């Protein structure tokens, strides 16, 4: 987490339980007025798509073995 004045920037991974826990803790403890979420275009489309995407074996090198099992 990076803090600059009253801005907190948290780098996350959408498949990491640790990232989810850190974000929950920061929001619970700081109780901010505003929470912003940055998504790349591909992730935004995936989240809003009604179709389920299948994980490709070629993604294993980027995501790691744990992500493949999930």
N, C-alpha and C. Protein backbone atom coordinates (compact mmCIF):
# COMPACT_ATOMS: atom_id res chain seq x y z
N UNK A 1 0.85 -1.18 0.00
CA UNK A 1 0.00 0.00 0.00
C UNK A 1 0.90 1.24 0.00
N UNK A 2 0.51 2.20 -0.80
CA UNK A 2 1.23 3.47 -0.89
C UNK A 2 0.29 4.57 -0.39
N UNK A 3 0.80 5.42 0.48
CA UNK A 3 0.00 6.53 0.99
C UNK A 3 0.62 7.84 0.52
N UNK A 4 -0.24 8.73 -0.01
CA UNK A 4 0.18 10.07 -0.39
C UNK A 4 -0.90 11.02 0.07
N UNK A 5 -0.60 11.82 1.06
CA UNK A 5 -1.57 12.72 1.69
C UNK A 5 -2.79 11.92 2.13
N UNK A 6 -3.95 12.15 1.53
CA UNK A 6 -5.14 11.40 1.94
C UNK A 6 -5.54 10.35 0.90
N UNK A 7 -4.59 9.94 0.05
CA UNK A 7 -4.84 8.94 -0.99
C UNK A 7 -4.09 7.66 -0.65
N UNK A 8 -4.78 6.56 -0.69
CA UNK A 8 -4.17 5.26 -0.45
C UNK A 8 -4.29 4.45 -1.74
N UNK A 9 -3.19 3.92 -2.20
CA UNK A 9 -3.17 3.12 -3.42
C UNK A 9 -2.77 1.70 -3.05
N UNK A 10 -3.65 0.76 -3.38
CA UNK A 10 -3.41 -0.64 -3.03
C UNK A 10 -3.33 -1.45 -4.31
N UNK A 11 -2.20 -2.07 -4.54
CA UNK A 11 -2.05 -2.97 -5.69
C UNK A 11 -2.66 -4.31 -5.34
N UNK A 12 -3.48 -4.83 -6.22
CA UNK A 12 -4.18 -6.08 -5.90
C UNK A 12 -4.10 -7.07 -7.04
N UNK A 13 -4.50 -8.28 -6.72
CA UNK A 13 -4.66 -9.35 -7.69
C UNK A 13 -6.05 -9.91 -7.48
N UNK A 14 -6.81 -10.04 -8.54
CA UNK A 14 -8.20 -10.47 -8.38
C UNK A 14 -8.34 -11.92 -7.93
N UNK A 15 -7.27 -12.68 -7.94
CA UNK A 15 -7.36 -14.07 -7.51
C UNK A 15 -6.64 -14.31 -6.18
N UNK A 16 -6.16 -13.25 -5.56
CA UNK A 16 -5.40 -13.39 -4.32
C UNK A 16 -6.27 -13.12 -3.10
N UNK A 17 -6.37 -14.10 -2.21
CA UNK A 17 -7.12 -13.91 -0.97
C UNK A 17 -6.47 -12.84 -0.11
N UNK A 18 -5.15 -12.75 -0.17
CA UNK A 18 -4.43 -11.74 0.61
C UNK A 18 -4.79 -10.33 0.14
N UNK A 19 -4.93 -10.15 -1.16
CA UNK A 19 -5.33 -8.84 -1.70
C UNK A 19 -6.71 -8.45 -1.23
N UNK A 20 -7.63 -9.40 -1.28
CA UNK A 20 -9.00 -9.13 -0.83
C UNK A 20 -9.00 -8.75 0.64
N UNK A 21 -8.26 -9.47 1.45
CA UNK A 21 -8.19 -9.19 2.89
C UNK A 21 -7.60 -7.81 3.15
N UNK A 22 -6.53 -7.45 2.42
CA UNK A 22 -5.91 -6.14 2.62
C UNK A 22 -6.89 -5.01 2.28
N UNK A 23 -7.60 -5.14 1.17
CA UNK A 23 -8.57 -4.12 0.78
C UNK A 23 -9.69 -4.02 1.81
N UNK A 24 -10.21 -5.15 2.26
CA UNK A 24 -11.27 -5.14 3.28
C UNK A 24 -10.78 -4.46 4.56
N UNK A 25 -9.56 -4.78 4.98
CA UNK A 25 -9.01 -4.19 6.20
C UNK A 25 -8.85 -2.67 6.07
N UNK A 26 -8.32 -2.21 4.94
CA UNK A 26 -8.13 -0.78 4.74
C UNK A 26 -9.47 -0.05 4.75
N UNK A 27 -10.46 -0.59 4.04
CA UNK A 27 -11.77 0.06 4.00
C UNK A 27 -12.42 0.05 5.37
N UNK A 28 -12.33 -1.05 6.08
CA UNK A 28 -12.92 -1.15 7.42
C UNK A 28 -12.26 -0.18 8.40
N UNK A 29 -10.93 -0.12 8.36
CA UNK A 29 -10.20 0.71 9.32
C UNK A 29 -10.26 2.20 8.99
N UNK A 30 -10.16 2.56 7.73
CA UNK A 30 -10.12 3.97 7.35
C UNK A 30 -11.50 4.56 7.10
N UNK A 31 -12.46 3.74 6.76
CA UNK A 31 -13.82 4.16 6.43
C UNK A 31 -13.81 5.38 5.49
N UNK A 32 -13.26 5.19 4.30
CA UNK A 32 -13.15 6.32 3.37
C UNK A 32 -14.50 6.75 2.82
N UNK A 33 -14.57 8.01 2.39
CA UNK A 33 -15.78 8.52 1.75
C UNK A 33 -15.93 8.01 0.33
N UNK A 34 -14.79 7.74 -0.31
CA UNK A 34 -14.79 7.30 -1.70
C UNK A 34 -13.83 6.12 -1.86
N UNK A 35 -14.28 5.12 -2.62
CA UNK A 35 -13.43 4.00 -2.99
C UNK A 35 -13.49 3.90 -4.51
N UNK A 36 -12.34 3.90 -5.15
CA UNK A 36 -12.28 3.81 -6.61
C UNK A 36 -11.61 2.50 -7.00
N UNK A 37 -12.05 1.96 -8.10
CA UNK A 37 -11.52 0.70 -8.61
C UNK A 37 -11.09 0.91 -10.04
N UNK A 38 -9.86 0.53 -10.35
CA UNK A 38 -9.35 0.65 -11.71
C UNK A 38 -9.31 -0.74 -12.33
N UNK A 39 -9.95 -0.87 -13.48
CA UNK A 39 -9.94 -2.12 -14.23
C UNK A 39 -9.45 -1.86 -15.63
N UNK A 40 -8.68 -2.80 -16.16
CA UNK A 40 -8.36 -2.65 -17.57
C UNK A 40 -9.58 -3.05 -18.40
N UNK A 41 -9.59 -2.70 -19.64
CA UNK A 41 -10.75 -2.91 -20.51
C UNK A 41 -11.15 -4.39 -20.56
N UNK A 42 -10.17 -5.27 -20.67
CA UNK A 42 -10.45 -6.70 -20.77
C UNK A 42 -11.13 -7.21 -19.50
N UNK A 43 -10.63 -6.81 -18.34
CA UNK A 43 -11.22 -7.27 -17.07
C UNK A 43 -12.64 -6.74 -16.94
N UNK A 44 -12.87 -5.49 -17.33
CA UNK A 44 -14.21 -4.91 -17.26
C UNK A 44 -15.19 -5.71 -18.12
N UNK A 45 -14.78 -6.02 -19.32
CA UNK A 45 -15.64 -6.80 -20.22
C UNK A 45 -15.91 -8.18 -19.65
N UNK A 46 -14.89 -8.81 -19.10
CA UNK A 46 -15.06 -10.14 -18.51
C UNK A 46 -16.04 -10.11 -17.35
N UNK A 47 -15.95 -9.10 -16.51
CA UNK A 47 -16.83 -9.02 -15.34
C UNK A 47 -18.28 -8.77 -15.73
N UNK A 48 -18.49 -8.10 -16.85
CA UNK A 48 -19.84 -7.77 -17.29
C UNK A 48 -20.40 -8.75 -18.32
N UNK A 49 -19.63 -9.74 -18.67
CA UNK A 49 -20.06 -10.72 -19.65
C UNK A 49 -20.91 -11.80 -18.97
N UNK A 50 -21.96 -12.21 -19.63
CA UNK A 50 -22.80 -13.29 -19.10
C UNK A 50 -22.19 -14.66 -19.39
N UNK A 51 -21.27 -14.71 -20.33
CA UNK A 51 -20.62 -15.97 -20.68
C UNK A 51 -19.47 -16.23 -19.71
N UNK A 52 -19.33 -17.49 -19.34
CA UNK A 52 -18.19 -17.86 -18.51
C UNK A 52 -17.01 -18.16 -19.43
N UNK A 53 -15.87 -17.61 -19.07
CA UNK A 53 -14.67 -17.87 -19.86
C UNK A 53 -13.93 -19.04 -19.27
N UNK A 54 -13.35 -19.83 -20.10
CA UNK A 54 -12.55 -20.95 -19.65
C UNK A 54 -11.09 -20.52 -19.60
N UNK A 55 -10.42 -20.98 -18.59
CA UNK A 55 -9.00 -20.68 -18.44
C UNK A 55 -8.22 -21.51 -19.45
N UNK A 56 -7.35 -20.85 -20.18
CA UNK A 56 -6.52 -21.54 -21.16
C UNK A 56 -5.23 -21.99 -20.49
N UNK A 57 -4.75 -23.13 -20.91
CA UNK A 57 -3.52 -23.67 -20.36
C UNK A 57 -2.35 -22.71 -20.61
N UNK A 58 -2.41 -21.94 -21.68
CA UNK A 58 -1.34 -20.99 -21.99
C UNK A 58 -1.27 -19.86 -20.95
N UNK A 59 -2.35 -19.64 -20.19
CA UNK A 59 -2.35 -18.61 -19.15
C UNK A 59 -1.62 -19.05 -17.89
N UNK A 60 -1.29 -20.32 -17.80
CA UNK A 60 -0.64 -20.85 -16.61
C UNK A 60 0.65 -20.11 -16.29
N UNK A 61 1.42 -19.75 -17.29
CA UNK A 61 2.70 -19.08 -17.02
C UNK A 61 2.50 -17.70 -16.41
N UNK A 62 1.37 -17.06 -16.69
CA UNK A 62 1.09 -15.73 -16.14
C UNK A 62 0.43 -15.82 -14.76
N UNK A 63 -0.47 -16.78 -14.59
CA UNK A 63 -1.28 -16.84 -13.38
C UNK A 63 -0.70 -17.73 -12.30
N UNK A 64 0.04 -18.74 -12.70
CA UNK A 64 0.59 -19.68 -11.73
C UNK A 64 -0.31 -20.89 -11.55
N UNK A 65 0.24 -21.89 -10.95
CA UNK A 65 -0.46 -23.17 -10.79
C UNK A 65 -1.70 -23.06 -9.89
N UNK A 66 -1.61 -22.26 -8.81
CA UNK A 66 -2.74 -22.12 -7.90
C UNK A 66 -3.96 -21.56 -8.61
N UNK A 67 -3.74 -20.59 -9.49
CA UNK A 67 -4.86 -20.01 -10.24
C UNK A 67 -5.50 -21.02 -11.15
N UNK A 68 -4.69 -21.89 -11.73
CA UNK A 68 -5.24 -22.92 -12.61
C UNK A 68 -6.15 -23.85 -11.83
N UNK A 69 -5.75 -24.20 -10.62
CA UNK A 69 -6.56 -25.11 -9.79
C UNK A 69 -7.86 -24.42 -9.36
N UNK A 70 -7.80 -23.13 -9.06
CA UNK A 70 -9.00 -22.40 -8.65
C UNK A 70 -10.00 -22.38 -9.77
